Amino acid sequence: MKTELKAKFLQHLIDKKNGEEGFTLIELLVVIIIIGILSAIALPSFLNQANKARQSEAQTYVGSINRGQQAYFLEKNTFGALSNLELGISNTKNYTYASSAAGSGAAAVATTTATPTATLKGYAGKVWVATANDGSATTLALLCEGGIGGVPTIANTVCP
């Protein structure tokens, strides 16, 4: 190689090593602002989905208790307390469950509540005996959703 070409090549390598590298402050601020905007949009959506998952626990458990009450009624001709149903359902960190029964035979009624321990929706269930015109009887179940922090009161067979 010619000496001039070698000198220019060496000068180019030296300039490249001594050149400024990295990001400028403006570039870093723009990236931080973009990340902040994206997280402000995504975080409420994520929290909403997490609450829906917690609430589905209560819906599932109250539905299971209702079905357990129906099965218990077929065996004993009365509804039972939650501990008598042998479902393995107990209080969780999100909800407290309670079930009560009144009456027997065709006048029997069972109610179940899922009371939230946090800012979640409450749920209530009801199981009762219905008699058809031909005299046959069957059990019916209802699941109601309440507002945040409250448990709905089921009037007759209608959710509020």
N, C-alpha and C. Protein backbone atom coordinates (compact mmCIF):
# COMPACT_ATOMS: atom_id res chain seq x y z
N MET A 1 0.82 -1.18 0.00
CA MET A 1 0.00 0.00 0.00
C MET A 1 0.86 1.24 0.00
N LYS A 2 0.27 2.25 -0.56
CA LYS A 2 0.99 3.52 -0.55
C LYS A 2 0.97 4.08 0.86
N THR A 3 1.98 4.82 1.16
CA THR A 3 2.07 5.39 2.50
C THR A 3 0.96 6.39 2.78
N GLU A 4 0.53 7.13 1.76
CA GLU A 4 -0.57 8.07 1.98
C GLU A 4 -1.86 7.33 2.33
N LEU A 5 -2.10 6.23 1.63
CA LEU A 5 -3.30 5.44 1.89
C LEU A 5 -3.24 4.84 3.28
N LYS A 6 -2.06 4.34 3.67
CA LYS A 6 -1.89 3.79 5.01
C LYS A 6 -2.14 4.86 6.07
N ALA A 7 -1.63 6.06 5.84
CA ALA A 7 -1.80 7.14 6.80
C ALA A 7 -3.27 7.52 6.94
N LYS A 8 -3.99 7.59 5.82
CA LYS A 8 -5.42 7.93 5.87
C LYS A 8 -6.22 6.83 6.57
N PHE A 9 -5.85 5.58 6.30
CA PHE A 9 -6.55 4.46 6.93
C PHE A 9 -6.33 4.45 8.44
N LEU A 10 -5.08 4.67 8.86
CA LEU A 10 -4.78 4.74 10.28
C LEU A 10 -5.49 5.91 10.94
N GLN A 11 -5.52 7.05 10.25
CA GLN A 11 -6.20 8.24 10.78
C GLN A 11 -7.70 7.94 10.94
N HIS A 12 -8.27 7.22 9.98
CA HIS A 12 -9.69 6.86 10.04
C HIS A 12 -9.96 5.95 11.24
N LEU A 13 -9.09 4.96 11.49
CA LEU A 13 -9.27 4.06 12.64
C LEU A 13 -9.15 4.82 13.95
N ILE A 14 -8.21 5.75 14.04
CA ILE A 14 -8.02 6.54 15.27
C ILE A 14 -9.24 7.43 15.51
N ASP A 15 -9.75 8.08 14.46
CA ASP A 15 -10.93 8.94 14.60
C ASP A 15 -12.15 8.13 15.04
N LYS A 16 -12.27 6.91 14.52
CA LYS A 16 -13.43 6.07 14.87
C LYS A 16 -13.37 5.68 16.34
N LYS A 17 -12.20 5.38 16.87
CA LYS A 17 -12.06 5.01 18.28
C LYS A 17 -12.32 6.19 19.19
N ASN A 18 -11.90 7.37 18.82
CA ASN A 18 -12.05 8.56 19.66
C ASN A 18 -13.41 9.23 19.48
N GLY A 19 -14.21 8.75 18.54
CA GLY A 19 -15.51 9.36 18.28
C GLY A 19 -16.47 9.12 19.45
N GLU A 20 -17.48 9.95 19.54
CA GLU A 20 -18.47 9.81 20.61
C GLU A 20 -19.40 8.65 20.29
N GLU A 21 -19.67 7.82 21.31
CA GLU A 21 -20.55 6.68 21.16
C GLU A 21 -21.62 6.74 22.24
N GLY A 22 -22.76 6.05 22.01
CA GLY A 22 -23.83 6.00 23.00
C GLY A 22 -25.02 6.82 22.55
N PHE A 23 -25.95 7.00 23.49
CA PHE A 23 -27.19 7.73 23.21
C PHE A 23 -27.12 9.12 23.81
N THR A 24 -27.82 10.02 23.18
CA THR A 24 -27.90 11.36 23.74
C THR A 24 -28.98 11.40 24.80
N LEU A 25 -28.98 12.43 25.59
CA LEU A 25 -29.97 12.60 26.65
C LEU A 25 -31.38 12.71 26.06
N ILE A 26 -31.52 13.37 24.95
CA ILE A 26 -32.82 13.53 24.30
C ILE A 26 -33.36 12.17 23.86
N GLU A 27 -32.51 11.34 23.28
CA GLU A 27 -32.95 10.02 22.85
C GLU A 27 -33.42 9.18 24.04
N LEU A 28 -32.68 9.24 25.14
CA LEU A 28 -33.09 8.50 26.33
C LEU A 28 -34.42 9.02 26.90
N LEU A 29 -34.61 10.33 26.92
CA LEU A 29 -35.87 10.90 27.41
C LEU A 29 -37.05 10.49 26.54
N VAL A 30 -36.87 10.47 25.26
CA VAL A 30 -37.95 10.05 24.35
C VAL A 30 -38.35 8.61 24.62
N VAL A 31 -37.38 7.74 24.80
CA VAL A 31 -37.67 6.33 25.09
C VAL A 31 -38.41 6.19 26.42
N ILE A 32 -37.98 6.92 27.44
CA ILE A 32 -38.64 6.86 28.75
C ILE A 32 -40.07 7.36 28.66
N ILE A 33 -40.30 8.42 27.91
CA ILE A 33 -41.66 8.95 27.75
C ILE A 33 -42.55 7.95 27.02
N ILE A 34 -42.03 7.30 26.00
CA ILE A 34 -42.81 6.30 25.27
C ILE A 34 -43.17 5.13 26.18
N ILE A 35 -42.22 4.66 26.96
CA ILE A 35 -42.50 3.56 27.90
C ILE A 35 -43.54 3.99 28.93
N GLY A 36 -43.46 5.22 29.42
CA GLY A 36 -44.44 5.72 30.38
C GLY A 36 -45.84 5.78 29.80
N ILE A 37 -45.98 6.22 28.57
CA ILE A 37 -47.29 6.29 27.93
C ILE A 37 -47.87 4.89 27.73
N LEU A 38 -47.05 3.97 27.27
CA LEU A 38 -47.53 2.60 27.06
C LEU A 38 -47.95 1.94 28.37
N SER A 39 -47.20 2.16 29.44
CA SER A 39 -47.57 1.56 30.72
C SER A 39 -48.82 2.20 31.30
N ALA A 40 -49.03 3.50 31.06
CA ALA A 40 -50.24 4.16 31.54
C ALA A 40 -51.48 3.61 30.83
N ILE A 41 -51.32 3.17 29.60
CA ILE A 41 -52.43 2.59 28.86
C ILE A 41 -52.65 1.13 29.27
N ALA A 42 -51.61 0.37 29.45
CA ALA A 42 -51.71 -1.07 29.68
C ALA A 42 -52.03 -1.43 31.13
N LEU A 43 -51.58 -0.66 32.10
CA LEU A 43 -51.75 -1.04 33.51
C LEU A 43 -53.21 -1.13 33.94
N PRO A 44 -54.08 -0.17 33.65
CA PRO A 44 -55.49 -0.32 34.05
C PRO A 44 -56.15 -1.53 33.41
N SER A 45 -55.82 -1.82 32.17
CA SER A 45 -56.38 -2.99 31.51
C SER A 45 -55.94 -4.28 32.20
N PHE A 46 -54.68 -4.34 32.58
CA PHE A 46 -54.16 -5.52 33.28
C PHE A 46 -54.84 -5.70 34.63
N LEU A 47 -55.00 -4.62 35.40
CA LEU A 47 -55.64 -4.72 36.71
C LEU A 47 -57.09 -5.14 36.58
N ASN A 48 -57.78 -4.66 35.55
CA ASN A 48 -59.17 -5.05 35.33
C ASN A 48 -59.27 -6.56 35.05
N GLN A 49 -58.37 -7.08 34.26
CA GLN A 49 -58.38 -8.51 33.96
C GLN A 49 -58.07 -9.34 35.21
N ALA A 50 -57.19 -8.85 36.07
CA ALA A 50 -56.87 -9.56 37.31
C ALA A 50 -58.09 -9.62 38.22
N ASN A 51 -58.86 -8.52 38.32
CA ASN A 51 -60.08 -8.53 39.13
C ASN A 51 -61.13 -9.47 38.56
N LYS A 52 -61.24 -9.53 37.24
CA LYS A 52 -62.19 -10.46 36.62
C LYS A 52 -61.83 -11.91 36.96
N ALA A 53 -60.56 -12.22 36.99
CA ALA A 53 -60.13 -13.57 37.33
C ALA A 53 -60.47 -13.89 38.78
N ARG A 54 -60.28 -12.93 39.68
CA ARG A 54 -60.62 -13.15 41.09
C ARG A 54 -62.13 -13.33 41.25
N GLN A 55 -62.91 -12.57 40.51
CA GLN A 55 -64.37 -12.66 40.60
C GLN A 55 -64.89 -13.97 40.01
N SER A 56 -64.20 -14.52 39.04
CA SER A 56 -64.63 -15.79 38.48
C SER A 56 -64.50 -16.91 39.50
N GLU A 57 -63.58 -16.76 40.46
CA GLU A 57 -63.47 -17.72 41.56
C GLU A 57 -64.80 -17.79 42.32
N ALA A 58 -65.35 -16.63 42.66
CA ALA A 58 -66.60 -16.59 43.42
C ALA A 58 -67.75 -17.15 42.60
N GLN A 59 -67.81 -16.81 41.32
CA GLN A 59 -68.89 -17.33 40.47
C GLN A 59 -68.83 -18.86 40.43
N THR A 60 -67.65 -19.39 40.27
CA THR A 60 -67.49 -20.84 40.20
C THR A 60 -67.86 -21.51 41.52
N TYR A 61 -67.40 -20.94 42.64
CA TYR A 61 -67.67 -21.54 43.94
C TYR A 61 -69.16 -21.48 44.30
N VAL A 62 -69.81 -20.35 44.05
CA VAL A 62 -71.24 -20.24 44.37
C VAL A 62 -72.03 -21.20 43.48
N GLY A 63 -71.66 -21.32 42.21
CA GLY A 63 -72.32 -22.29 41.33
C GLY A 63 -72.12 -23.71 41.82
N SER A 64 -70.92 -24.03 42.29
CA SER A 64 -70.65 -25.37 42.83
C SER A 64 -71.46 -25.63 44.09
N ILE A 65 -71.58 -24.63 44.94
CA ILE A 65 -72.37 -24.79 46.16
C ILE A 65 -73.83 -25.00 45.80
N ASN A 66 -74.33 -24.25 44.82
CA ASN A 66 -75.72 -24.45 44.37
C ASN A 66 -75.95 -25.88 43.89
N ARG A 67 -75.04 -26.40 43.07
CA ARG A 67 -75.17 -27.77 42.58
C ARG A 67 -75.04 -28.78 43.73
N GLY A 68 -74.17 -28.48 44.70
CA GLY A 68 -74.05 -29.35 45.87
C GLY A 68 -75.33 -29.36 46.69
N GLN A 69 -75.98 -28.20 46.81
CA GLN A 69 -77.26 -28.15 47.53
C GLN A 69 -78.32 -28.99 46.81
N GLN A 70 -78.33 -28.91 45.48
CA GLN A 70 -79.30 -29.70 44.73
C GLN A 70 -79.06 -31.20 44.92
N ALA A 71 -77.82 -31.64 44.89
CA ALA A 71 -77.50 -33.05 45.09
C ALA A 71 -77.84 -33.47 46.52
N TYR A 72 -77.55 -32.60 47.49
CA TYR A 72 -77.86 -32.91 48.89
C TYR A 72 -79.38 -33.06 49.08
N PHE A 73 -80.15 -32.19 48.40
CA PHE A 73 -81.61 -32.27 48.51
C PHE A 73 -82.13 -33.59 47.95
N LEU A 74 -81.54 -34.07 46.86
CA LEU A 74 -81.99 -35.34 46.29
C LEU A 74 -81.78 -36.50 47.26
N GLU A 75 -80.72 -36.42 48.07
CA GLU A 75 -80.43 -37.49 49.02
C GLU A 75 -81.23 -37.36 50.31
N LYS A 76 -81.36 -36.14 50.85
CA LYS A 76 -81.90 -35.95 52.20
C LYS A 76 -83.28 -35.29 52.24
N ASN A 77 -83.79 -34.80 51.10
CA ASN A 77 -85.06 -34.08 51.02
C ASN A 77 -85.04 -32.78 51.83
N THR A 78 -83.86 -32.24 52.02
CA THR A 78 -83.67 -30.95 52.67
C THR A 78 -82.33 -30.39 52.21
N PHE A 79 -82.14 -29.10 52.37
CA PHE A 79 -80.85 -28.50 52.02
C PHE A 79 -79.96 -28.51 53.24
N GLY A 80 -78.65 -28.48 53.04
CA GLY A 80 -77.71 -28.56 54.14
C GLY A 80 -76.82 -27.35 54.28
N ALA A 81 -76.12 -27.30 55.40
CA ALA A 81 -75.12 -26.24 55.63
C ALA A 81 -73.92 -26.51 54.73
N LEU A 82 -73.11 -25.49 54.54
CA LEU A 82 -71.96 -25.60 53.65
C LEU A 82 -71.02 -26.73 54.09
N SER A 83 -70.83 -26.90 55.38
CA SER A 83 -69.94 -27.96 55.87
C SER A 83 -70.51 -29.35 55.61
N ASN A 84 -71.83 -29.48 55.52
CA ASN A 84 -72.46 -30.79 55.28
C ASN A 84 -72.39 -31.21 53.82
N LEU A 85 -72.15 -30.26 52.92
CA LEU A 85 -72.16 -30.57 51.49
C LEU A 85 -70.92 -31.33 51.03
N GLU A 86 -69.84 -31.28 51.82
CA GLU A 86 -68.59 -31.98 51.53
C GLU A 86 -68.03 -31.61 50.15
N LEU A 87 -67.99 -30.31 49.87
CA LEU A 87 -67.48 -29.83 48.59
C LEU A 87 -66.00 -29.45 48.63
N GLY A 88 -65.46 -29.27 49.82
CA GLY A 88 -64.06 -28.85 49.93
C GLY A 88 -63.87 -27.37 49.65
N ILE A 89 -64.95 -26.60 49.74
CA ILE A 89 -64.86 -25.15 49.51
C ILE A 89 -64.71 -24.46 50.85
N SER A 90 -63.69 -23.61 50.95
CA SER A 90 -63.49 -22.83 52.16
C SER A 90 -63.18 -21.38 51.78
N ASN A 91 -63.11 -20.53 52.78
CA ASN A 91 -62.82 -19.12 52.53
C ASN A 91 -61.45 -18.97 51.87
N THR A 92 -61.34 -17.97 51.00
CA THR A 92 -60.08 -17.68 50.33
C THR A 92 -59.64 -16.27 50.70
N LYS A 93 -58.51 -15.83 50.16
CA LYS A 93 -58.06 -14.48 50.48
C LYS A 93 -58.92 -13.42 49.80
N ASN A 94 -59.71 -13.81 48.79
CA ASN A 94 -60.56 -12.86 48.08
C ASN A 94 -62.01 -12.85 48.55
N TYR A 95 -62.52 -13.98 49.01
CA TYR A 95 -63.93 -14.10 49.36
C TYR A 95 -64.13 -14.94 50.62
N THR A 96 -65.24 -14.62 51.31
CA THR A 96 -65.72 -15.41 52.44
C THR A 96 -67.05 -16.03 52.02
N TYR A 97 -67.19 -17.34 52.17
CA TYR A 97 -68.37 -18.05 51.70
C TYR A 97 -69.23 -18.49 52.88
N ALA A 98 -70.55 -18.37 52.70
CA ALA A 98 -71.50 -18.81 53.72
C ALA A 98 -72.73 -19.36 53.02
N SER A 99 -73.32 -20.38 53.62
CA SER A 99 -74.53 -20.98 53.05
C SER A 99 -75.48 -21.30 54.19
N SER A 100 -76.76 -21.04 53.98
CA SER A 100 -77.76 -21.35 55.00
C SER A 100 -78.95 -22.01 54.33
N ALA A 101 -79.64 -22.83 55.08
CA ALA A 101 -80.80 -23.56 54.57
C ALA A 101 -81.97 -23.36 55.52
N ALA A 102 -83.18 -23.33 54.94
CA ALA A 102 -84.40 -23.18 55.73
C ALA A 102 -85.48 -24.07 55.14
N GLY A 103 -86.30 -24.64 56.00
CA GLY A 103 -87.41 -25.47 55.56
C GLY A 103 -86.98 -26.84 55.08
N SER A 104 -87.97 -27.65 54.74
CA SER A 104 -87.69 -28.96 54.19
C SER A 104 -88.80 -29.32 53.22
N GLY A 105 -88.55 -30.34 52.42
CA GLY A 105 -89.54 -30.76 51.43
C GLY A 105 -89.75 -29.68 50.38
N ALA A 106 -91.01 -29.46 50.00
CA ALA A 106 -91.34 -28.51 48.94
C ALA A 106 -91.12 -27.06 49.35
N ALA A 107 -90.98 -26.79 50.64
CA ALA A 107 -90.79 -25.41 51.12
C ALA A 107 -89.32 -25.09 51.40
N ALA A 108 -88.42 -25.97 51.03
CA ALA A 108 -87.00 -25.80 51.34
C ALA A 108 -86.36 -24.73 50.45
N VAL A 109 -85.47 -23.95 51.06
CA VAL A 109 -84.73 -22.90 50.36
C VAL A 109 -83.31 -22.86 50.92
N ALA A 110 -82.32 -22.70 50.05
CA ALA A 110 -80.94 -22.55 50.49
C ALA A 110 -80.36 -21.29 49.84
N THR A 111 -79.64 -20.50 50.62
CA THR A 111 -78.98 -19.30 50.08
C THR A 111 -77.49 -19.39 50.36
N THR A 112 -76.72 -18.87 49.43
CA THR A 112 -75.27 -18.86 49.52
C THR A 112 -74.77 -17.46 49.22
N THR A 113 -73.77 -17.00 49.97
CA THR A 113 -73.18 -15.69 49.70
C THR A 113 -71.66 -15.81 49.57
N ALA A 114 -71.12 -15.00 48.69
CA ALA A 114 -69.68 -14.85 48.53
C ALA A 114 -69.37 -13.38 48.81
N THR A 115 -68.91 -13.09 50.02
CA THR A 115 -68.63 -11.72 50.43
C THR A 115 -67.18 -11.39 50.13
N PRO A 116 -66.94 -10.32 49.34
CA PRO A 116 -65.55 -9.99 48.97
C PRO A 116 -64.78 -9.40 50.14
N THR A 117 -63.49 -9.72 50.20
CA THR A 117 -62.62 -9.15 51.23
C THR A 117 -61.87 -7.94 50.69
N ALA A 118 -61.95 -7.70 49.39
CA ALA A 118 -61.29 -6.56 48.75
C ALA A 118 -62.32 -5.84 47.89
N THR A 119 -61.87 -4.96 47.04
CA THR A 119 -62.78 -4.21 46.17
C THR A 119 -63.15 -5.05 44.96
N LEU A 120 -63.95 -6.08 45.21
CA LEU A 120 -64.44 -6.97 44.16
C LEU A 120 -65.96 -7.03 44.25
N LYS A 121 -66.60 -7.59 43.23
CA LYS A 121 -68.05 -7.74 43.24
C LYS A 121 -68.44 -8.92 44.12
N GLY A 122 -69.57 -8.79 44.82
CA GLY A 122 -70.09 -9.86 45.64
C GLY A 122 -71.07 -10.72 44.84
N TYR A 123 -71.29 -11.95 45.30
CA TYR A 123 -72.18 -12.89 44.61
C TYR A 123 -73.08 -13.58 45.61
N ALA A 124 -74.27 -13.94 45.15
CA ALA A 124 -75.21 -14.69 45.98
C ALA A 124 -75.87 -15.75 45.13
N GLY A 125 -76.21 -16.86 45.77
CA GLY A 125 -76.89 -17.96 45.07
C GLY A 125 -78.09 -18.41 45.87
N LYS A 126 -79.05 -18.96 45.18
CA LYS A 126 -80.26 -19.45 45.84
C LYS A 126 -80.69 -20.74 45.15
N VAL A 127 -81.12 -21.71 45.94
CA VAL A 127 -81.64 -22.96 45.43
C VAL A 127 -82.98 -23.18 46.11
N TRP A 128 -83.99 -23.55 45.35
CA TRP A 128 -85.31 -23.78 45.92
C TRP A 128 -86.00 -24.91 45.16
N VAL A 129 -87.12 -25.34 45.70
CA VAL A 129 -87.89 -26.41 45.10
C VAL A 129 -89.07 -25.79 44.35
N ALA A 130 -89.26 -26.21 43.12
CA ALA A 130 -90.38 -25.74 42.31
C ALA A 130 -91.27 -26.93 41.99
N THR A 131 -92.57 -26.71 42.06
CA THR A 131 -93.54 -27.77 41.77
C THR A 131 -94.29 -27.43 40.49
N ALA A 132 -94.36 -28.38 39.58
CA ALA A 132 -95.06 -28.18 38.31
C ALA A 132 -96.56 -28.44 38.50
N ASN A 133 -97.36 -28.15 37.48
CA ASN A 133 -98.81 -28.35 37.54
C ASN A 133 -99.19 -29.80 37.74
N ASP A 134 -98.37 -30.71 37.27
CA ASP A 134 -98.69 -32.14 37.42
C ASP A 134 -98.24 -32.70 38.77
N GLY A 135 -97.71 -31.86 39.63
CA GLY A 135 -97.30 -32.29 40.97
C GLY A 135 -95.86 -32.70 41.08
N SER A 136 -95.12 -32.79 39.99
CA SER A 136 -93.70 -33.16 40.05
C SER A 136 -92.89 -31.97 40.56
N ALA A 137 -91.82 -32.28 41.25
CA ALA A 137 -90.98 -31.23 41.84
C ALA A 137 -89.56 -31.33 41.30
N THR A 138 -88.90 -30.19 41.25
CA THR A 138 -87.51 -30.13 40.83
C THR A 138 -86.83 -29.00 41.60
N THR A 139 -85.52 -29.05 41.66
CA THR A 139 -84.78 -27.96 42.30
C THR A 139 -84.29 -27.00 41.24
N LEU A 140 -84.36 -25.72 41.54
CA LEU A 140 -83.89 -24.67 40.65
C LEU A 140 -82.82 -23.87 41.36
N ALA A 141 -81.88 -23.31 40.60
CA ALA A 141 -80.79 -22.55 41.18
C ALA A 141 -80.66 -21.20 40.48
N LEU A 142 -80.16 -20.21 41.24
CA LEU A 142 -79.99 -18.86 40.72
C LEU A 142 -78.67 -18.31 41.25
N LEU A 143 -77.94 -17.59 40.40
CA LEU A 143 -76.69 -16.95 40.79
C LEU A 143 -76.79 -15.49 40.43
N CYS A 144 -76.59 -14.59 41.41
CA CYS A 144 -76.70 -13.15 41.18
C CYS A 144 -75.37 -12.47 41.48
N GLU A 145 -75.10 -11.39 40.71
CA GLU A 145 -73.89 -10.60 40.89
C GLU A 145 -74.27 -9.26 41.49
N GLY A 146 -73.54 -8.85 42.52
CA GLY A 146 -73.79 -7.57 43.17
C GLY A 146 -72.78 -6.52 42.73
N GLY A 147 -72.80 -5.41 43.43
CA GLY A 147 -71.87 -4.34 43.14
C GLY A 147 -70.54 -4.56 43.82
N ILE A 148 -69.63 -3.62 43.63
CA ILE A 148 -68.29 -3.71 44.24
C ILE A 148 -68.44 -3.62 45.75
N GLY A 149 -67.89 -4.60 46.44
CA GLY A 149 -67.90 -4.62 47.89
C GLY A 149 -69.19 -5.06 48.53
N GLY A 150 -70.23 -5.35 47.75
CA GLY A 150 -71.52 -5.74 48.32
C GLY A 150 -72.00 -7.08 47.79
N VAL A 151 -72.91 -7.69 48.55
CA VAL A 151 -73.50 -8.96 48.15
C VAL A 151 -74.96 -8.70 47.85
N PRO A 152 -75.46 -9.17 46.69
CA PRO A 152 -76.86 -8.91 46.36
C PRO A 152 -77.81 -9.70 47.24
N THR A 153 -78.97 -9.14 47.47
CA THR A 153 -80.03 -9.83 48.20
C THR A 153 -81.01 -10.34 47.16
N ILE A 154 -81.22 -11.64 47.16
CA ILE A 154 -82.11 -12.25 46.16
C ILE A 154 -83.53 -12.20 46.69
N ALA A 155 -84.39 -11.45 46.01
CA ALA A 155 -85.80 -11.38 46.38
C ALA A 155 -86.56 -12.40 45.55
N ASN A 156 -87.20 -13.34 46.22
CA ASN A 156 -87.92 -14.43 45.55
C ASN A 156 -86.97 -15.16 44.59
N THR A 157 -87.24 -15.10 43.31
CA THR A 157 -86.38 -15.81 42.35
C THR A 157 -85.83 -14.87 41.29
N VAL A 158 -85.62 -13.60 41.67
CA VAL A 158 -85.16 -12.58 40.72
C VAL A 158 -83.93 -11.88 41.30
N CYS A 159 -82.92 -11.70 40.46
CA CYS A 159 -81.75 -10.93 40.88
C CYS A 159 -82.10 -9.44 40.88
N PRO A 160 -81.53 -8.67 41.82
CA PRO A 160 -81.83 -7.25 41.85
C PRO A 160 -81.21 -6.50 40.67
